[in-house]
């Protein structure tokens, strides 16, 4: 039996009404997820040691998030294994937005250098790129080294080579240090520390030849007369420290790679929650007082969307993979 033609429009009206109702329900659920978040304290994990630039900025962002959301945002130090402990914890956390990780670029480098870092990039959701990090390196003022060329000459004159300290094996600083040594043709032994603060005593007492870290930290040591900063990585000089040349200007463009500082949530976190977290942190990064603090520690403020940060991460995977292969960089 065929359906009478006059019944077809009625059926279409019913289907349209059902579709509209479903769309409203889905939209309402998304709005509900966004407006109900956060409904409990938020953990903001950090893999670097207290007192460094990333710690200072994490606490600043956490305080402003707490004020905006009416929920405590607690910075949790998960130091160790170049960020792999924190990243693995994030990947296993409930995807509800209440556990986040402010990571440096080691998030990408670990998965390229290690067979089992404890997480995959597919298990985390990029939220926003907070800032790029020009990597600075310097030597104790007592050595009398003034330029990168001086350092290369000094290093080539050391039978056992030199030592350089960074915030961890596989970090951006580690890769830049290895790339510079390879390009300049000198031997350099990498010594990992828990952060730039912990490496400073060894740099000053001569146990360490070169220290790598944030531009703000090393510029502060230079201002005190203890350290001479030789160069920074990045497309241009840091506006706050215009006297410090880039590594490209010093003749080593292949090692002239900045790090970064970005926010991640577990993969599977509802998109409205990711968007709310991203929008709020971007708003905070754009505040004049926050921009000033980011620049003070030697970073370059960014703040972008989760989609833009995802594309940036894909580019970083390609860039660092090429550097690792070209310089045959390995970690113990």
C-alpha atoms as a PDB file:
ATOM      1  CA  UNK A   1       0.000   0.000   0.000  1.00  0.00           C
ATOM      2  CA  UNK A   2       1.454   3.361  -0.998  1.00  0.00           C
ATOM      3  CA  UNK A   3       1.496   6.353   1.304  1.00  0.00           C
ATOM      4  CA  UNK A   4      -0.957   9.068   0.277  1.00  0.00           C
ATOM      5  CA  UNK A   5       0.859  12.070  -1.141  1.00  0.00           C
ATOM      6  CA  UNK A   6      -0.801  14.439   1.274  1.00  0.00           C
ATOM      7  CA  UNK A   7       0.905  12.586   4.188  1.00  0.00           C
ATOM      8  CA  UNK A   8       4.459  13.243   2.922  1.00  0.00           C
ATOM      9  CA  UNK A   9       4.685  16.961   3.850  1.00  0.00           C
ATOM     10  CA  UNK A  10       3.362  16.140   7.302  1.00  0.00           C
ATOM     11  CA  UNK A  11       6.024  13.502   7.779  1.00  0.00           C
ATOM     12  CA  UNK A  12       8.690  15.962   6.616  1.00  0.00           C
ATOM     13  CA  UNK A  13       7.448  18.489   9.155  1.00  0.00           C
ATOM     14  CA  UNK A  14       7.745  15.858  11.900  1.00  0.00           C
ATOM     15  CA  UNK A  15      11.297  14.923  10.834  1.00  0.00           C
ATOM     16  CA  UNK A  16      12.303  18.587  10.691  1.00  0.00           C
ATOM     17  CA  UNK A  17      10.900  19.148  14.153  1.00  0.00           C
ATOM     18  CA  UNK A  18      12.813  16.144  15.523  1.00  0.00           C
ATOM     19  CA  UNK A  19      16.051  17.344  13.901  1.00  0.00           C
ATOM     20  CA  UNK A  20      15.580  20.814  15.350  1.00  0.00           C
ATOM     21  CA  UNK A  21      14.903  19.379  18.793  1.00  0.00           C
ATOM     22  CA  UNK A  22      18.052  17.224  18.610  1.00  0.00           C
ATOM     23  CA  UNK A  23      20.119  20.230  17.536  1.00  0.00           C
ATOM     24  CA  UNK A  24      18.798  22.234  20.467  1.00  0.00           C
ATOM     25  CA  UNK A  25      19.589  19.380  22.850  1.00  0.00           C
ATOM     26  CA  UNK A  26      23.137  19.045  21.521  1.00  0.00           C
ATOM     27  CA  UNK A  27      23.642  22.801  21.642  1.00  0.00           C
ATOM     28  CA  UNK A  28      22.203  22.924  25.138  1.00  0.00           C
ATOM     29  CA  UNK A  29      24.534  20.118  26.280  1.00  0.00           C
ATOM     30  CA  UNK A  30      27.543  21.965  24.842  1.00  0.00           C
ATOM     31  CA  UNK A  31      26.513  25.177  26.564  1.00  0.00           C
ATOM     32  CA  UNK A  32      25.940  23.224  29.752  1.00  0.00           C
ATOM     33  CA  UNK A  33      29.435  21.730  29.586  1.00  0.00           C
ATOM     34  CA  UNK A  34      30.955  25.157  29.109  1.00  0.00           C
ATOM     35  CA  UNK A  35      28.947  26.967  31.768  1.00  0.00           C
ATOM     36  CA  UNK A  36      29.369  24.216  34.375  1.00  0.00           C
ATOM     37  CA  UNK A  37      33.155  24.194  33.971  1.00  0.00           C
ATOM     38  CA  UNK A  38      34.964  24.412  36.298  1.00  0.00           C
ATOM     39  CA  UNK A  39      32.881  22.911  39.080  1.00  0.00           C
ATOM     40  CA  UNK A  40      35.811  21.941  41.307  1.00  0.00           C
ATOM     41  CA  UNK A  41      39.483  22.922  41.816  1.00  0.00           C
ATOM     42  CA  UNK A  42      41.677  22.773  38.700  1.00  0.00           C
ATOM     43  CA  UNK A  43      45.164  21.240  38.727  1.00  0.00           C
ATOM     44  CA  UNK A  44      47.695  23.107  36.596  1.00  0.00           C
ATOM     45  CA  UNK A  45      50.732  20.852  36.285  1.00  0.00           C
ATOM     46  CA  UNK A  46      54.227  22.151  35.640  1.00  0.00           C
ATOM     47  CA  UNK A  47      57.358  20.096  34.971  1.00  0.00           C
ATOM     48  CA  UNK A  48      60.015  22.679  35.812  1.00  0.00           C
ATOM     49  CA  UNK A  49      61.484  23.489  39.201  1.00  0.00           C
ATOM     50  CA  UNK A  50      60.200  26.291  41.458  1.00  0.00           C
ATOM     51  CA  UNK A  51      61.708  29.734  41.002  1.00  0.00           C
ATOM     52  CA  UNK A  52      62.250  29.660  37.247  1.00  0.00           C
ATOM     53  CA  UNK A  53      60.484  31.686  34.568  1.00  0.00           C
ATOM     54  CA  UNK A  54      57.900  29.026  33.754  1.00  0.00           C
ATOM     55  CA  UNK A  55      57.010  28.664  37.450  1.00  0.00           C
ATOM     56  CA  UNK A  56      56.552  32.427  37.841  1.00  0.00           C
ATOM     57  CA  UNK A  57      54.228  32.635  34.834  1.00  0.00           C
ATOM     58  CA  UNK A  58      52.264  29.503  35.775  1.00  0.00           C
ATOM     59  CA  UNK A  59      51.406  30.989  39.175  1.00  0.00           C
ATOM     60  CA  UNK A  60      50.441  34.308  37.619  1.00  0.00           C
ATOM     61  CA  UNK A  61      48.094  32.594  35.153  1.00  0.00           C
ATOM     62  CA  UNK A  62      46.694  30.323  37.880  1.00  0.00           C
ATOM     63  CA  UNK A  63      45.874  33.280  40.128  1.00  0.00           C
ATOM     64  CA  UNK A  64      44.019  35.079  37.347  1.00  0.00           C
ATOM     65  CA  UNK A  65      42.125  31.930  36.341  1.00  0.00           C
ATOM     66  CA  UNK A  66      41.078  31.424  39.969  1.00  0.00           C
ATOM     67  CA  UNK A  67      39.763  34.977  40.123  1.00  0.00           C
ATOM     68  CA  UNK A  68      37.855  34.609  36.843  1.00  0.00           C
ATOM     69  CA  UNK A  69      36.337  31.198  37.559  1.00  0.00           C
ATOM     70  CA  UNK A  70      35.719  31.339  41.284  1.00  0.00           C
ATOM     71  CA  UNK A  71      37.511  28.014  41.715  1.00  0.00           C
ATOM     72  CA  UNK A  72      41.031  27.359  43.007  1.00  0.00           C
ATOM     73  CA  UNK A  73      43.573  26.746  40.235  1.00  0.00           C
ATOM     74  CA  UNK A  74      46.459  24.980  41.924  1.00  0.00           C
ATOM     75  CA  UNK A  75      49.951  24.794  40.422  1.00  0.00           C
ATOM     76  CA  UNK A  76      51.283  21.277  40.905  1.00  0.00           C
ATOM     77  CA  UNK A  77      55.000  20.737  40.419  1.00  0.00           C
ATOM     78  CA  UNK A  78      55.617  17.429  38.605  1.00  0.00           C
ATOM     79  CA  UNK A  79      59.366  17.770  38.104  1.00  0.00           C
ATOM     80  CA  UNK A  80      61.400  15.030  36.469  1.00  0.00           C
ATOM     81  CA  UNK A  81      62.140  13.105  33.268  1.00  0.00           C
ATOM     82  CA  UNK A  82      62.108  16.277  31.136  1.00  0.00           C
ATOM     83  CA  UNK A  83      58.350  16.650  31.489  1.00  0.00           C
ATOM     84  CA  UNK A  84      57.447  13.042  30.698  1.00  0.00           C
ATOM     85  CA  UNK A  85      56.032  12.445  34.196  1.00  0.00           C
ATOM     86  CA  UNK A  86      53.678  15.410  33.898  1.00  0.00           C
ATOM     87  CA  UNK A  87      52.721  14.654  30.276  1.00  0.00           C
ATOM     88  CA  UNK A  88      51.964  11.004  31.071  1.00  0.00           C
ATOM     89  CA  UNK A  89      49.834  12.085  34.039  1.00  0.00           C
ATOM     90  CA  UNK A  90      47.920  14.473  31.793  1.00  0.00           C
ATOM     91  CA  UNK A  91      47.282  11.788  29.163  1.00  0.00           C
ATOM     92  CA  UNK A  92      45.738   9.541  31.833  1.00  0.00           C
ATOM     93  CA  UNK A  93      43.703  12.275  33.561  1.00  0.00           C
ATOM     94  CA  UNK A  94      39.901  12.488  33.212  1.00  0.00           C
ATOM     95  CA  UNK A  95      39.109  14.568  30.110  1.00  0.00           C
ATOM     96  CA  UNK A  96      36.916  17.075  31.932  1.00  0.00           C
ATOM     97  CA  UNK A  97      39.182  20.142  31.914  1.00  0.00           C
ATOM     98  CA  UNK A  98      40.095  19.980  35.601  1.00  0.00           C
ATOM     99  CA  UNK A  99      43.643  18.732  34.926  1.00  0.00           C
ATOM    100  CA  UNK A 100      45.875  20.817  32.645  1.00  0.00           C
ATOM    101  CA  UNK A 101      49.577  20.979  31.853  1.00  0.00           C
ATOM    102  CA  UNK A 102      51.644  24.066  31.077  1.00  0.00           C
ATOM    103  CA  UNK A 103      54.465  22.501  29.109  1.00  0.00           C
ATOM    104  CA  UNK A 104      57.617  23.676  27.418  1.00  0.00           C
ATOM    105  CA  UNK A 105      58.602  22.331  23.995  1.00  0.00           C
ATOM    106  CA  UNK A 106      59.975  19.113  25.493  1.00  0.00           C
ATOM    107  CA  UNK A 107      56.402  17.818  25.077  1.00  0.00           C
ATOM    108  CA  UNK A 108      57.187  17.385  21.365  1.00  0.00           C
ATOM    109  CA  UNK A 109      60.870  16.531  21.660  1.00  0.00           C
ATOM    110  CA  UNK A 110      60.300  13.620  24.041  1.00  0.00           C
ATOM    111  CA  UNK A 111      58.114  11.713  21.585  1.00  0.00           C
ATOM    112  CA  UNK A 112      60.711  12.222  18.838  1.00  0.00           C
ATOM    113  CA  UNK A 113      63.697  11.139  20.912  1.00  0.00           C
ATOM    114  CA  UNK A 114      62.425   8.361  23.167  1.00  0.00           C
ATOM    115  CA  UNK A 115      60.924   4.970  22.277  1.00  0.00           C
ATOM    116  CA  UNK A 116      58.488   5.060  25.203  1.00  0.00           C
ATOM    117  CA  UNK A 117      57.947   8.538  26.676  1.00  0.00           C
ATOM    118  CA  UNK A 118      54.778   7.413  28.464  1.00  0.00           C
ATOM    119  CA  UNK A 119      52.359   9.373  26.266  1.00  0.00           C
ATOM    120  CA  UNK A 120      51.512  10.119  22.645  1.00  0.00           C
ATOM    121  CA  UNK A 121      50.713  13.489  21.132  1.00  0.00           C
ATOM    122  CA  UNK A 122      47.320  12.053  20.150  1.00  0.00           C
ATOM    123  CA  UNK A 123      46.538  11.694  23.877  1.00  0.00           C
ATOM    124  CA  UNK A 124      46.714  15.429  24.577  1.00  0.00           C
ATOM    125  CA  UNK A 125      44.717  18.398  23.298  1.00  0.00           C
ATOM    126  CA  UNK A 126      46.540  21.659  22.490  1.00  0.00           C
ATOM    127  CA  UNK A 127      44.732  24.600  24.110  1.00  0.00           C
ATOM    128  CA  UNK A 128      46.831  27.715  23.481  1.00  0.00           C
ATOM    129  CA  UNK A 129      50.426  28.737  22.834  1.00  0.00           C
ATOM    130  CA  UNK A 130      51.134  31.057  25.761  1.00  0.00           C
ATOM    131  CA  UNK A 131      54.543  32.265  24.577  1.00  0.00           C
ATOM    132  CA  UNK A 132      57.610  31.437  22.567  1.00  0.00           C
ATOM    133  CA  UNK A 133      60.864  31.080  24.503  1.00  0.00           C
ATOM    134  CA  UNK A 134      64.078  32.477  23.050  1.00  0.00           C
ATOM    135  CA  UNK A 135      66.695  30.089  24.432  1.00  0.00           C
ATOM    136  CA  UNK A 136      69.649  32.009  25.851  1.00  0.00           C
ATOM    137  CA  UNK A 137      73.054  30.643  26.713  1.00  0.00           C
ATOM    138  CA  UNK A 138      75.920  32.144  28.604  1.00  0.00           C
ATOM    139  CA  UNK A 139      79.189  31.510  30.403  1.00  0.00           C
ATOM    140  CA  UNK A 140      80.691  32.600  33.663  1.00  0.00           C
ATOM    141  CA  UNK A 141      82.155  36.099  33.372  1.00  0.00           C
ATOM    142  CA  UNK A 142      85.380  34.762  34.839  1.00  0.00           C
ATOM    143  CA  UNK A 143      86.144  32.933  31.571  1.00  0.00           C
ATOM    144  CA  UNK A 144      86.528  36.179  29.639  1.00  0.00           C
ATOM    145  CA  UNK A 145      84.478  34.832  26.708  1.00  0.00           C
ATOM    146  CA  UNK A 146      82.532  37.634  24.997  1.00  0.00           C
ATOM    147  CA  UNK A 147      81.036  36.129  21.825  1.00  0.00           C
ATOM    148  CA  UNK A 148      79.920  32.839  20.283  1.00  0.00           C
ATOM    149  CA  UNK A 149      83.092  32.912  18.178  1.00  0.00           C
ATOM    150  CA  UNK A 150      85.133  33.166  21.391  1.00  0.00           C
ATOM    151  CA  UNK A 151      83.259  30.175  22.805  1.00  0.00           C
ATOM    152  CA  UNK A 152      83.919  28.085  19.687  1.00  0.00           C
ATOM    153  CA  UNK A 153      87.639  28.919  19.817  1.00  0.00           C
ATOM    154  CA  UNK A 154      87.768  28.121  23.544  1.00  0.00           C
ATOM    155  CA  UNK A 155      85.882  24.827  23.124  1.00  0.00           C
ATOM    156  CA  UNK A 156      88.138  23.656  20.310  1.00  0.00           C
ATOM    157  CA  UNK A 157      91.129  24.268  22.577  1.00  0.00           C
ATOM    158  CA  UNK A 158      89.834  21.914  25.275  1.00  0.00           C
ATOM    159  CA  UNK A 159      91.096  18.333  24.802  1.00  0.00           C
ATOM    160  CA  UNK A 160      88.017  16.877  26.497  1.00  0.00           C
ATOM    161  CA  UNK A 161      85.660  19.464  25.058  1.00  0.00           C
ATOM    162  CA  UNK A 162      83.264  21.530  27.153  1.00  0.00           C
ATOM    163  CA  UNK A 163      80.162  20.882  29.223  1.00  0.00           C
ATOM    164  CA  UNK A 164      76.768  22.514  28.866  1.00  0.00           C
ATOM    165  CA  UNK A 165      73.798  22.400  31.209  1.00  0.00           C
ATOM    166  CA  UNK A 166      70.088  22.477  30.374  1.00  0.00           C
ATOM    167  CA  UNK A 167      66.738  21.784  31.987  1.00  0.00           C
ATOM    168  CA  UNK A 168      66.748  18.168  30.842  1.00  0.00           C
ATOM    169  CA  UNK A 169      67.781  15.504  28.346  1.00  0.00           C
ATOM    170  CA  UNK A 170      65.747  15.992  25.193  1.00  0.00           C
ATOM    171  CA  UNK A 171      64.785  19.573  25.998  1.00  0.00           C
ATOM    172  CA  UNK A 172      64.928  22.343  23.399  1.00  0.00           C
ATOM    173  CA  UNK A 173      68.070  23.678  25.078  1.00  0.00           C
ATOM    174  CA  UNK A 174      69.686  20.238  24.839  1.00  0.00           C
ATOM    175  CA  UNK A 175      68.960  20.036  21.118  1.00  0.00           C
ATOM    176  CA  UNK A 176      70.141  23.587  20.435  1.00  0.00           C
ATOM    177  CA  UNK A 177      73.359  22.922  22.376  1.00  0.00           C
ATOM    178  CA  UNK A 178      74.008  19.710  20.463  1.00  0.00           C
ATOM    179  CA  UNK A 179      73.218  21.371  17.125  1.00  0.00           C
ATOM    180  CA  UNK A 180      75.614  24.247  17.856  1.00  0.00           C
ATOM    181  CA  UNK A 181      78.453  21.906  18.836  1.00  0.00           C
ATOM    182  CA  UNK A 182      77.880  19.832  15.700  1.00  0.00           C
ATOM    183  CA  UNK A 183      77.763  22.853  13.397  1.00  0.00           C
ATOM    184  CA  UNK A 184      80.803  24.528  14.980  1.00  0.00           C
ATOM    185  CA  UNK A 185      82.830  21.343  15.173  1.00  0.00           C
ATOM    186  CA  UNK A 186      83.628  21.068  18.879  1.00  0.00           C
ATOM    187  CA  UNK A 187      82.985  18.418  21.495  1.00  0.00           C
ATOM    188  CA  UNK A 188      80.366  19.176  24.154  1.00  0.00           C
ATOM    189  CA  UNK A 189      79.047  16.963  26.938  1.00  0.00           C
ATOM    190  CA  UNK A 190      75.447  17.552  27.945  1.00  0.00           C
ATOM    191  CA  UNK A 191      74.566  17.722  31.661  1.00  0.00           C
ATOM    192  CA  UNK A 192      70.834  17.775  32.488  1.00  0.00           C
ATOM    193  CA  UNK A 193      69.513  19.716  35.496  1.00  0.00           C
ATOM    194  CA  UNK A 194      66.050  20.239  36.947  1.00  0.00           C
ATOM    195  CA  UNK A 195      66.031  23.835  35.756  1.00  0.00           C
ATOM    196  CA  UNK A 196      68.095  26.907  34.995  1.00  0.00           C
ATOM    197  CA  UNK A 197      68.192  27.886  38.676  1.00  0.00           C
ATOM    198  CA  UNK A 198      69.753  24.580  39.742  1.00  0.00           C
ATOM    199  CA  UNK A 199      72.469  24.746  37.065  1.00  0.00           C
ATOM    200  CA  UNK A 200      73.658  28.260  37.966  1.00  0.00           C
ATOM    201  CA  UNK A 201      75.966  27.352  40.909  1.00  0.00           C
ATOM    202  CA  UNK A 202      77.897  24.892  38.743  1.00  0.00           C
ATOM    203  CA  UNK A 203      78.185  27.478  35.966  1.00  0.00           C
ATOM    204  CA  UNK A 204      79.617  30.049  38.355  1.00  0.00           C
ATOM    205  CA  UNK A 205      82.072  27.687  40.063  1.00  0.00           C
ATOM    206  CA  UNK A 206      83.465  26.369  36.770  1.00  0.00           C
ATOM    207  CA  UNK A 207      82.068  22.837  36.820  1.00  0.00           C
ATOM    208  CA  UNK A 208      79.880  23.787  33.872  1.00  0.00           C
ATOM    209  CA  UNK A 209      81.160  25.711  30.839  1.00  0.00           C
ATOM    210  CA  UNK A 210      77.875  26.904  29.317  1.00  0.00           C
ATOM    211  CA  UNK A 211      74.389  27.275  30.758  1.00  0.00           C
ATOM    212  CA  UNK A 212      71.210  27.274  28.668  1.00  0.00           C
ATOM    213  CA  UNK A 213      67.833  28.662  29.736  1.00  0.00           C
ATOM    214  CA  UNK A 214      65.430  31.567  29.366  1.00  0.00           C
ATOM    215  CA  UNK A 215      66.650  34.945  28.161  1.00  0.00           C
ATOM    216  CA  UNK A 216      65.189  36.710  31.202  1.00  0.00           C
ATOM    217  CA  UNK A 217      66.974  34.483  33.680  1.00  0.00           C
ATOM    218  CA  UNK A 218      70.398  34.772  32.045  1.00  0.00           C
ATOM    219  CA  UNK A 219      70.032  38.487  31.340  1.00  0.00           C
ATOM    220  CA  UNK A 220      69.419  38.975  35.068  1.00  0.00           C
ATOM    221  CA  UNK A 221      72.634  37.094  35.850  1.00  0.00           C
ATOM    222  CA  UNK A 222      74.472  39.213  33.299  1.00  0.00           C
ATOM    223  CA  UNK A 223      73.164  42.392  34.935  1.00  0.00           C
ATOM    224  CA  UNK A 224      74.654  41.198  38.223  1.00  0.00           C
ATOM    225  CA  UNK A 225      78.043  40.773  36.534  1.00  0.00           C
ATOM    226  CA  UNK A 226      78.172  37.013  37.077  1.00  0.00           C
ATOM    227  CA  UNK A 227      77.418  35.780  33.575  1.00  0.00           C
ATOM    228  CA  UNK A 228      78.043  36.834  29.982  1.00  0.00           C
ATOM    229  CA  UNK A 229      75.100  35.982  27.698  1.00  0.00           C
ATOM    230  CA  UNK A 230      76.404  35.060  24.251  1.00  0.00           C
ATOM    231  CA  UNK A 231      73.255  34.644  22.138  1.00  0.00           C
ATOM    232  CA  UNK A 232      69.550  33.837  22.037  1.00  0.00           C
ATOM    233  CA  UNK A 233      67.547  31.722  19.602  1.00  0.00           C
ATOM    234  CA  UNK A 234      64.664  33.120  17.583  1.00  0.00           C
ATOM    235  CA  UNK A 235      63.836  35.035  14.415  1.00  0.00           C
ATOM    236  CA  UNK A 236      64.902  38.356  15.954  1.00  0.00           C
ATOM    237  CA  UNK A 237      66.567  39.799  19.038  1.00  0.00           C
ATOM    238  CA  UNK A 238      64.508  39.965  22.216  1.00  0.00           C
ATOM    239  CA  UNK A 239      63.107  43.499  22.453  1.00  0.00           C
ATOM    240  CA  UNK A 240      63.902  43.733  26.153  1.00  0.00           C
ATOM    241  CA  UNK A 241      67.537  42.656  25.580  1.00  0.00           C
ATOM    242  CA  UNK A 242      68.508  44.185  22.224  1.00  0.00           C
ATOM    243  CA  UNK A 243      72.249  43.879  22.910  1.00  0.00           C
ATOM    244  CA  UNK A 244      72.097  40.056  22.775  1.00  0.00           C
ATOM    245  CA  UNK A 245      72.522  38.729  19.197  1.00  0.00           C
ATOM    246  CA  UNK A 246      70.611  35.772  17.791  1.00  0.00           C
ATOM    247  CA  UNK A 247      72.424  32.539  17.081  1.00  0.00           C
ATOM    248  CA  UNK A 248      71.758  33.129  13.381  1.00  0.00           C
ATOM    249  CA  UNK A 249      73.550  36.478  13.604  1.00  0.00           C
ATOM    250  CA  UNK A 250      76.441  34.644  15.240  1.00  0.00           C
ATOM    251  CA  UNK A 251      76.707  32.417  12.177  1.00  0.00           C
ATOM    252  CA  UNK A 252      74.669  29.336  13.147  1.00  0.00           C
ATOM    253  CA  UNK A 253      71.161  29.627  11.639  1.00  0.00           C
ATOM    254  CA  UNK A 254      70.584  25.867  11.780  1.00  0.00           C
ATOM    255  CA  UNK A 255      70.624  25.929  15.589  1.00  0.00           C
ATOM    256  CA  UNK A 256      68.623  29.154  15.888  1.00  0.00           C
ATOM    257  CA  UNK A 257      65.435  27.514  17.226  1.00  0.00           C
ATOM    258  CA  UNK A 258      63.323  28.960  20.057  1.00  0.00           C
ATOM    259  CA  UNK A 259      61.347  26.870  22.510  1.00  0.00           C
ATOM    260  CA  UNK A 260      57.768  27.513  23.587  1.00  0.00           C
ATOM    261  CA  UNK A 261      55.374  27.430  26.512  1.00  0.00           C
ATOM    262  CA  UNK A 262      51.895  26.047  25.900  1.00  0.00           C
ATOM    263  CA  UNK A 263      48.795  24.736  27.615  1.00  0.00           C
ATOM    264  CA  UNK A 264      47.404  21.227  27.098  1.00  0.00           C
ATOM    265  CA  UNK A 265      44.372  19.247  28.283  1.00  0.00           C
ATOM    266  CA  UNK A 266      43.710  15.508  27.951  1.00  0.00           C
ATOM    267  CA  UNK A 267      42.492  14.392  24.529  1.00  0.00           C
ATOM    268  CA  UNK A 268      38.744  13.884  24.550  1.00  0.00           C
ATOM    269  CA  UNK A 269      38.055  16.974  26.651  1.00  0.00           C
ATOM    270  CA  UNK A 270      34.763  18.435  25.355  1.00  0.00           C
ATOM    271  CA  UNK A 271      35.341  21.148  22.784  1.00  0.00           C
ATOM    272  CA  UNK A 272      33.350  23.780  24.734  1.00  0.00           C
ATOM    273  CA  UNK A 273      35.640  23.212  27.733  1.00  0.00           C
ATOM    274  CA  UNK A 274      38.776  23.437  25.570  1.00  0.00           C
ATOM    275  CA  UNK A 275      37.413  26.638  24.047  1.00  0.00           C
ATOM    276  CA  UNK A 276      36.592  28.167  27.417  1.00  0.00           C
ATOM    277  CA  UNK A 277      40.055  27.343  28.786  1.00  0.00           C
ATOM    278  CA  UNK A 278      41.692  28.677  25.614  1.00  0.00           C
ATOM    279  CA  UNK A 279      39.666  31.883  25.532  1.00  0.00           C
ATOM    280  CA  UNK A 280      40.309  32.640  29.198  1.00  0.00           C
ATOM    281  CA  UNK A 281      44.065  32.072  29.013  1.00  0.00           C
ATOM    282  CA  UNK A 282      44.270  34.135  25.822  1.00  0.00           C
ATOM    283  CA  UNK A 283      42.445  36.951  27.593  1.00  0.00           C
ATOM    284  CA  UNK A 284      44.915  36.736  30.475  1.00  0.00           C
ATOM    285  CA  UNK A 285      47.964  36.672  28.159  1.00  0.00           C
ATOM    286  CA  UNK A 286      46.667  39.841  26.461  1.00  0.00           C
ATOM    287  CA  UNK A 287      46.490  41.806  29.742  1.00  0.00           C
ATOM    288  CA  UNK A 288      49.152  44.563  29.815  1.00  0.00           C
ATOM    289  CA  UNK A 289      50.536  43.485  33.199  1.00  0.00           C
ATOM    290  CA  UNK A 290      50.796  39.860  32.072  1.00  0.00           C
ATOM    291  CA  UNK A 291      52.447  40.831  28.785  1.00  0.00           C
ATOM    292  CA  UNK A 292      54.969  42.865  30.775  1.00  0.00           C
ATOM    293  CA  UNK A 293      55.740  39.908  33.060  1.00  0.00           C
ATOM    294  CA  UNK A 294      56.099  37.515  30.123  1.00  0.00           C
ATOM    295  CA  UNK A 295      58.550  39.892  28.465  1.00  0.00           C
ATOM    296  CA  UNK A 296      60.365  40.470  31.765  1.00  0.00           C
ATOM    297  CA  UNK A 297      61.277  36.786  32.036  1.00  0.00           C
ATOM    298  CA  UNK A 298      62.498  36.827  28.437  1.00  0.00           C
ATOM    299  CA  UNK A 299      59.548  35.161  26.695  1.00  0.00           C
ATOM    300  CA  UNK A 300      57.521  36.500  23.739  1.00  0.00           C
ATOM    301  CA  UNK A 301      53.759  36.516  24.460  1.00  0.00           C
ATOM    302  CA  UNK A 302      51.457  34.848  21.921  1.00  0.00           C
ATOM    303  CA  UNK A 303      48.045  33.475  22.969  1.00  0.00           C
ATOM    304  CA  UNK A 304      46.246  31.727  20.089  1.00  0.00           C
ATOM    305  CA  UNK A 305      43.310  29.390  19.467  1.00  0.00           C
ATOM    306  CA  UNK A 306      43.412  25.641  20.025  1.00  0.00           C
ATOM    307  CA  UNK A 307      43.221  25.139  16.241  1.00  0.00           C
ATOM    308  CA  UNK A 308      46.154  27.475  15.638  1.00  0.00           C
ATOM    309  CA  UNK A 309      48.173  25.809  18.386  1.00  0.00           C
ATOM    310  CA  UNK A 310      47.435  22.370  16.898  1.00  0.00           C
ATOM    311  CA  UNK A 311      48.846  23.499  13.552  1.00  0.00           C
ATOM    312  CA  UNK A 312      51.871  24.976  15.324  1.00  0.00           C
ATOM    313  CA  UNK A 313      52.517  21.649  17.069  1.00  0.00           C
ATOM    314  CA  UNK A 314      52.434  19.821  13.720  1.00  0.00           C
ATOM    315  CA  UNK A 315      55.068  22.215  12.358  1.00  0.00           C
ATOM    316  CA  UNK A 316      57.188  21.760  15.486  1.00  0.00           C
ATOM    317  CA  UNK A 317      57.123  17.985  15.069  1.00  0.00           C
ATOM    318  CA  UNK A 318      58.558  18.364  11.566  1.00  0.00           C
ATOM    319  CA  UNK A 319      61.166  20.981  12.563  1.00  0.00           C
ATOM    320  CA  UNK A 320      62.593  19.195  15.596  1.00  0.00           C
ATOM    321  CA  UNK A 321      62.545  15.825  13.827  1.00  0.00           C
ATOM    322  CA  UNK A 322      64.747  17.313  11.111  1.00  0.00           C
ATOM    323  CA  UNK A 323      67.177  18.835  13.661  1.00  0.00           C
ATOM    324  CA  UNK A 324      67.455  15.530  15.531  1.00  0.00           C
ATOM    325  CA  UNK A 325      68.201  13.562  12.353  1.00  0.00           C
ATOM    326  CA  UNK A 326      70.605  16.094  10.853  1.00  0.00           C
ATOM    327  CA  UNK A 327      72.687  16.238  14.032  1.00  0.00           C
ATOM    328  CA  UNK A 328      72.293  12.582  15.028  1.00  0.00           C
ATOM    329  CA  UNK A 329      71.058  13.629  18.499  1.00  0.00           C
ATOM    330  CA  UNK A 330      70.333  10.838  20.951  1.00  0.00           C
ATOM    331  CA  UNK A 331      69.469  10.692  24.637  1.00  0.00           C
ATOM    332  CA  UNK A 332      70.806   8.184  27.134  1.00  0.00           C
END
